[in-house]
Amino acid sequence: MPKAEVQKIQTLTGHQDAIYALLPSVDSAVFWTAAADGMIVRWDLRKPENGVLVSTTAHSVYALARNQEETKLYIAENFEGIHLVDLEKTQEQKAVKITEKAIFALEIIENQVWAGSGEGIISILDKNNLQIQKQIQFSDHSLRGLAFCPTRREVALGYSDFKIRIVDIDTFELKQTIEAHQNSVFCLRYTPDYRYLLSGSRDAHLKIWDVNQNYALHQSLVAHLFTINDIAFSPSGEYFATCSKDKSIKIWRTANFELLKVIDKGRHAGHGTSINRLLWTSYHDYLIACSDDRTISVWEIRFL
């Protein structure tokens, strides 16, 4: 069994409220954060003390996305909609209001922006001009998580009615509904080989679904004490991390879903409040986490 070693590298500060979003860059040393303070900040791990303010909004931001060329940044502002920022000019290019509720999920899928809201609506917009192409409501409960499977051309959507729904990205038709958890589904991630879909919930369970077996339940783990907020895979795909409202991060082996390490405040200078998002970058295998405590933590993860 591999052994995981964890070393705290840095604590980044500057946000004035809970941090909810982490977005990677093409450059593995660079990432963005967004928070309840409405600030979107760019960080460079080579000079981590110098966070750069990219944009601001009037309300909380739970989700960020970018185009592949990294020329445009998409910001999901609660109660307002999607903002499109030109990163080269560092100015807003367009904005569109799509909901009166919070926007929890935001993904760029091919030429579209998919946004999931607190009223259970999935909005599909043109990624260049933010024109709404389709809005679908499969549930009146919050849509909290979204994951894309390119091999099957489908999207997994996680809802607060405890269900996961699988949707065709070409026809927008509902392909399958999974009775997934005993509470809200907060996060979804496909394994890098798209063999499994992982789901984390407010019921503290991590569930693994076999994609090629019609999403049959492969394994169910009581992974945390409270809500699982996010899942992030290592650059190699051999490992993944989960984070929770219970203030801990856990490191798992992808091959057999075996727990390898617990990162917490007492042993690894972790967070003292809910950990909301994770990003596992190829830059020195740094694992990045953001929290309700307004800070960003950077750890180096090594496997022996």
Protein backbone atom coordinates (compact mmCIF):
# COMPACT_ATOMS: atom_id res chain seq x y z
CA MET A 1 0.00 0.00 0.00
CA PRO A 2 1.44 3.43 -0.91
CA LYS A 3 2.11 5.82 1.93
CA ALA A 4 1.15 9.49 1.59
CA GLU A 5 3.28 12.25 3.06
CA VAL A 6 1.83 15.73 3.45
CA GLN A 7 3.76 18.99 3.90
CA LYS A 8 2.09 22.37 4.36
CA ILE A 9 3.64 24.84 1.92
CA GLN A 10 1.65 28.05 2.24
CA THR A 11 -1.47 29.76 3.57
CA LEU A 12 -2.80 32.44 1.22
CA THR A 13 -4.92 35.29 2.52
CA GLY A 14 -6.69 38.30 1.07
CA HIS A 15 -10.33 37.32 0.66
CA GLN A 16 -12.74 38.95 3.10
CA ASP A 17 -15.31 36.15 3.26
CA ALA A 18 -15.79 32.42 2.67
CA ILE A 19 -14.05 31.12 -0.47
CA TYR A 20 -16.19 28.89 -2.68
CA ALA A 21 -14.47 28.43 -6.05
CA LEU A 22 -11.08 27.20 -7.30
CA LEU A 23 -10.28 27.21 -11.02
CA PRO A 24 -7.09 25.85 -12.62
CA SER A 25 -5.12 27.59 -15.35
CA VAL A 26 -3.32 26.25 -18.41
CA ASP A 27 -0.20 27.13 -16.42
CA SER A 28 -0.15 24.56 -13.59
CA ALA A 29 1.27 27.12 -11.13
CA VAL A 30 -1.64 29.54 -11.65
CA PHE A 31 -5.22 29.36 -10.39
CA TRP A 32 -8.21 31.60 -9.63
CA THR A 33 -10.41 31.84 -6.55
CA ALA A 34 -13.83 33.38 -5.98
CA ALA A 35 -15.63 34.08 -2.72
CA ALA A 36 -18.64 35.48 -0.91
CA ASP A 37 -16.87 38.86 -0.96
CA GLY A 38 -17.44 39.00 -4.74
CA MET A 39 -13.71 39.10 -5.49
CA ILE A 40 -12.12 36.95 -8.19
CA VAL A 41 -8.38 36.65 -7.59
CA ARG A 42 -5.55 35.19 -9.69
CA TRP A 43 -2.73 33.42 -7.81
CA ASP A 44 0.69 32.23 -8.95
CA LEU A 45 2.32 29.54 -6.81
CA ARG A 46 5.75 30.80 -7.85
CA LYS A 47 4.90 34.11 -6.13
CA PRO A 48 1.97 33.11 -3.92
CA GLU A 49 1.99 36.26 -1.81
CA ASN A 50 0.99 38.39 -4.80
CA GLY A 51 -2.66 37.61 -5.53
CA VAL A 52 -4.06 39.78 -8.34
CA LEU A 53 -7.67 41.02 -8.31
CA VAL A 54 -9.21 40.14 -11.69
CA SER A 55 -12.83 41.19 -11.20
CA THR A 56 -15.46 41.97 -8.59
CA THR A 57 -19.18 41.28 -8.28
CA ALA A 58 -21.90 42.54 -5.95
CA HIS A 59 -22.86 39.07 -4.74
CA SER A 60 -21.22 35.77 -3.82
CA VAL A 61 -19.58 33.65 -6.50
CA TYR A 62 -19.81 29.86 -6.14
CA ALA A 63 -18.43 28.84 -9.52
CA LEU A 64 -15.91 29.85 -12.18
CA ALA A 65 -15.01 28.50 -15.63
CA ARG A 66 -12.67 29.44 -18.48
CA ASN A 67 -12.36 28.66 -22.17
CA GLN A 68 -9.62 26.33 -23.39
CA GLU A 69 -7.51 29.16 -24.81
CA GLU A 70 -7.72 30.92 -21.45
CA THR A 71 -8.75 34.20 -23.00
CA LYS A 72 -12.16 34.33 -21.32
CA LEU A 73 -13.27 33.84 -17.73
CA TYR A 74 -16.87 32.97 -16.85
CA ILE A 75 -18.14 34.10 -13.44
CA ALA A 76 -21.37 32.79 -11.91
CA GLU A 77 -22.69 35.59 -9.70
CA ASN A 78 -25.50 34.61 -7.35
CA PHE A 79 -28.90 36.18 -8.11
CA GLU A 80 -27.56 37.87 -11.23
CA GLY A 81 -26.18 35.42 -13.79
CA ILE A 82 -23.06 34.81 -15.85
CA HIS A 83 -20.36 37.40 -16.47
CA LEU A 84 -17.92 36.99 -19.34
CA VAL A 85 -14.54 38.63 -18.66
CA ASP A 86 -11.87 39.18 -21.32
CA LEU A 87 -8.68 38.07 -19.55
CA GLU A 88 -6.39 39.79 -22.05
CA LYS A 89 -8.07 43.16 -21.57
CA THR A 90 -9.11 42.43 -17.95
CA GLN A 91 -12.59 43.80 -18.52
CA GLU A 92 -16.14 42.50 -18.64
CA GLN A 93 -17.29 41.69 -22.14
CA LYS A 94 -20.88 40.60 -21.51
CA ALA A 95 -23.31 39.60 -18.77
CA VAL A 96 -26.63 37.78 -18.81
CA LYS A 97 -29.12 37.21 -16.01
CA ILE A 98 -30.40 33.63 -15.99
CA THR A 99 -31.84 33.12 -12.49
CA GLU A 100 -33.06 34.78 -9.31
CA LYS A 101 -31.28 32.11 -7.27
CA ALA A 102 -27.72 31.05 -6.54
CA ILE A 103 -25.64 29.42 -9.29
CA PHE A 104 -23.81 26.41 -7.87
CA ALA A 105 -22.38 24.67 -10.95
CA LEU A 106 -20.64 26.05 -14.04
CA GLU A 107 -18.86 24.10 -16.79
CA ILE A 108 -17.67 24.75 -20.34
CA ILE A 109 -18.73 21.79 -22.49
CA GLU A 110 -17.50 22.12 -26.06
CA ASN A 111 -19.06 25.34 -27.38
CA GLN A 112 -21.51 25.79 -24.55
CA VAL A 113 -21.69 27.02 -20.97
CA TRP A 114 -23.73 24.80 -18.64
CA ALA A 115 -24.95 26.49 -15.45
CA GLY A 116 -26.94 24.89 -12.65
CA SER A 117 -29.03 26.98 -10.26
CA GLY A 118 -30.75 26.84 -6.90
CA GLU A 119 -34.15 26.51 -8.58
CA GLY A 120 -33.09 23.29 -10.28
CA ILE A 121 -32.73 24.76 -13.76
CA ILE A 122 -29.84 23.84 -16.04
CA SER A 123 -29.12 26.71 -18.45
CA ILE A 124 -27.15 26.06 -21.64
CA LEU A 125 -25.59 29.15 -23.21
CA ASP A 126 -23.39 29.86 -26.22
CA LYS A 127 -19.90 30.27 -24.79
CA ASN A 128 -19.00 33.17 -27.12
CA ASN A 129 -21.97 35.50 -26.69
CA LEU A 130 -23.80 34.00 -23.67
CA GLN A 131 -27.01 33.67 -25.67
CA ILE A 132 -29.31 31.20 -23.91
CA GLN A 133 -29.85 28.13 -26.09
CA LYS A 134 -31.83 25.97 -23.69
CA GLN A 135 -33.16 25.93 -20.15
CA ILE A 136 -34.34 22.65 -18.62
CA GLN A 137 -35.82 21.88 -15.23
CA PHE A 138 -35.76 18.21 -14.22
CA SER A 139 -36.40 19.06 -10.55
CA ASP A 140 -37.47 22.05 -8.47
CA HIS A 141 -34.65 21.30 -6.01
CA SER A 142 -31.19 22.89 -6.22
CA LEU A 143 -28.78 21.66 -8.86
CA ARG A 144 -25.50 21.44 -6.91
CA GLY A 145 -23.05 19.43 -9.03
CA LEU A 146 -22.21 18.84 -12.69
CA ALA A 147 -19.75 16.52 -14.45
CA PHE A 148 -19.16 15.86 -18.17
CA CYS A 149 -18.38 12.46 -19.69
CA PRO A 150 -17.04 13.03 -23.24
CA THR A 151 -16.78 9.32 -24.07
CA ARG A 152 -20.55 8.93 -23.69
CA ARG A 153 -21.47 12.53 -24.54
CA GLU A 154 -23.51 12.94 -21.41
CA VAL A 155 -23.62 15.10 -18.31
CA ALA A 156 -24.23 13.96 -14.75
CA LEU A 157 -26.27 16.42 -12.68
CA GLY A 158 -26.52 16.25 -8.88
CA TYR A 159 -29.57 17.63 -7.10
CA SER A 160 -30.80 18.42 -3.62
CA ASP A 161 -33.65 15.93 -4.12
CA PHE A 162 -30.92 13.30 -3.47
CA LYS A 163 -30.83 12.18 -7.12
CA ILE A 164 -28.33 12.14 -9.96
CA ARG A 165 -29.64 12.66 -13.47
CA ILE A 166 -27.80 11.69 -16.65
CA VAL A 167 -28.49 13.96 -19.64
CA ASP A 168 -27.51 13.66 -23.31
CA ILE A 169 -25.53 16.79 -24.31
CA ASP A 170 -26.71 16.69 -27.93
CA THR A 171 -30.45 16.16 -27.46
CA PHE A 172 -30.71 17.43 -23.84
CA GLU A 173 -32.88 14.39 -23.14
CA LEU A 174 -32.93 12.76 -19.73
CA LYS A 175 -31.29 9.34 -20.13
CA GLN A 176 -31.40 8.09 -16.56
CA THR A 177 -32.33 9.03 -13.00
CA ILE A 178 -30.30 7.51 -10.16
CA GLU A 179 -31.71 7.28 -6.63
CA ALA A 180 -28.30 8.18 -5.29
CA HIS A 181 -28.14 9.44 -1.70
CA GLN A 182 -30.06 10.09 1.51
CA ASN A 183 -29.47 13.83 1.25
CA SER A 184 -28.39 16.50 -1.26
CA VAL A 185 -25.81 15.54 -3.88
CA PHE A 186 -23.14 18.23 -3.58
CA CYS A 187 -20.37 17.12 -5.95
CA LEU A 188 -19.75 14.83 -8.92
CA ARG A 189 -16.52 13.74 -10.64
CA TYR A 190 -15.76 11.12 -13.27
CA THR A 191 -12.56 9.15 -12.86
CA PRO A 192 -9.96 10.16 -15.49
CA ASP A 193 -10.69 7.00 -17.50
CA TYR A 194 -14.46 7.71 -17.26
CA ARG A 195 -15.06 4.22 -15.91
CA TYR A 196 -16.66 5.46 -12.70
CA LEU A 197 -18.69 8.43 -11.52
CA LEU A 198 -18.01 9.56 -7.95
CA SER A 199 -20.65 11.42 -5.97
CA GLY A 200 -20.40 13.20 -2.63
CA SER A 201 -23.39 14.19 -0.54
CA ARG A 202 -24.66 15.98 2.51
CA ASP A 203 -25.20 12.47 3.91
CA ALA A 204 -21.36 12.22 4.21
CA HIS A 205 -21.23 9.22 1.87
CA LEU A 206 -18.94 8.87 -1.11
CA LYS A 207 -20.52 6.66 -3.76
CA ILE A 208 -18.89 5.11 -6.80
CA TRP A 209 -21.07 4.34 -9.82
CA ASP A 210 -20.03 1.97 -12.63
CA VAL A 211 -20.59 3.97 -15.82
CA ASN A 212 -20.45 0.99 -18.19
CA GLN A 213 -22.89 -1.00 -16.07
CA ASN A 214 -25.69 1.52 -16.45
CA TYR A 215 -24.36 3.45 -13.44
CA ALA A 216 -24.83 0.53 -11.07
CA LEU A 217 -23.58 1.20 -7.55
CA HIS A 218 -20.01 -0.13 -7.31
CA GLN A 219 -19.16 0.98 -3.78
CA SER A 220 -20.51 3.16 -0.97
CA LEU A 221 -18.21 4.65 1.67
CA VAL A 222 -18.96 6.62 4.82
CA ALA A 223 -16.16 8.98 3.86
CA HIS A 224 -16.64 11.96 6.20
CA LEU A 225 -18.58 13.09 9.25
CA PHE A 226 -20.53 15.79 7.42
CA THR A 227 -21.20 17.08 3.90
CA ILE A 228 -18.69 16.18 1.18
CA ASN A 229 -18.17 19.41 -0.73
CA ASP A 230 -15.71 18.46 -3.47
CA ILE A 231 -13.63 15.75 -5.13
CA ALA A 232 -10.33 16.31 -6.97
CA PHE A 233 -8.08 13.84 -8.78
CA SER A 234 -4.30 13.92 -8.72
CA PRO A 235 -2.52 14.82 -11.99
CA SER A 236 -1.68 11.13 -12.55
CA GLY A 237 -5.22 10.02 -11.74
CA GLU A 238 -3.88 7.40 -9.34
CA TYR A 239 -5.24 9.25 -6.31
CA PHE A 240 -8.04 11.61 -5.42
CA ALA A 241 -8.97 13.87 -2.53
CA THR A 242 -12.28 14.67 -0.87
CA CYS A 243 -13.07 17.65 1.35
CA SER A 244 -15.86 18.23 3.80
CA LYS A 245 -17.77 20.45 6.13
CA ASP A 246 -16.11 18.35 8.86
CA LYS A 247 -12.93 20.43 8.25
CA SER A 248 -10.90 17.55 6.86
CA ILE A 249 -9.39 16.47 3.55
CA LYS A 250 -8.97 12.78 2.80
CA ILE A 251 -6.61 11.20 0.27
CA TRP A 252 -7.76 8.02 -1.50
CA ARG A 253 -6.31 5.52 -3.96
CA THR A 254 -8.31 5.44 -7.19
CA ALA A 255 -7.64 1.77 -8.02
CA ASN A 256 -9.49 0.41 -5.00
CA PHE A 257 -10.93 3.52 -3.27
CA GLU A 258 -8.73 2.90 -0.23
CA LEU A 259 -8.22 5.68 2.30
CA LEU A 260 -4.54 6.66 2.58
CA LYS A 261 -4.39 9.91 4.55
CA VAL A 262 -6.40 12.40 6.56
CA ILE A 263 -5.37 16.07 6.46
CA ASP A 264 -6.73 18.09 9.36
CA LYS A 265 -5.99 21.14 11.48
CA GLY A 266 -4.26 19.32 14.33
CA ARG A 267 -1.79 17.27 12.31
CA HIS A 268 -1.25 19.28 9.13
CA ALA A 269 -2.16 22.91 9.91
CA GLY A 270 -5.45 22.45 8.09
CA HIS A 271 -8.60 24.50 8.17
CA GLY A 272 -10.78 25.17 11.19
CA THR A 273 -14.04 25.49 9.26
CA SER A 274 -15.74 23.92 6.24
CA ILE A 275 -13.44 23.13 3.30
CA ASN A 276 -15.35 24.02 0.16
CA ARG A 277 -13.21 23.24 -2.90
CA LEU A 278 -10.07 21.37 -3.94
CA LEU A 279 -7.58 21.67 -6.80
CA TRP A 280 -4.78 19.14 -7.29
CA THR A 281 -2.22 20.73 -9.58
CA SER A 282 0.74 19.20 -11.41
CA TYR A 283 2.92 22.02 -10.07
CA HIS A 284 4.98 20.04 -7.52
CA ASP A 285 1.85 17.91 -6.92
CA TYR A 286 0.46 20.71 -4.78
CA LEU A 287 -3.03 20.19 -3.39
CA ILE A 288 -4.93 23.45 -2.91
CA ALA A 289 -7.98 23.91 -0.69
CA CYS A 290 -10.23 26.87 0.11
CA SER A 291 -12.44 27.31 3.12
CA ASP A 292 -15.09 29.26 4.97
CA ASP A 293 -12.21 30.60 7.09
CA ARG A 294 -11.26 32.95 4.17
CA THR A 295 -7.90 31.27 3.54
CA ILE A 296 -6.37 29.06 0.86
CA SER A 297 -4.05 26.24 1.91
CA VAL A 298 -1.33 24.68 -0.23
CA TRP A 299 0.09 21.24 0.56
CA GLU A 300 2.68 19.12 -1.20
CA ILE A 301 1.56 15.48 -1.44
CA ARG A 302 4.15 12.73 -1.90
CA PHE A 303 3.60 9.00 -2.21
CA LEU A 304 6.22 6.50 -1.04
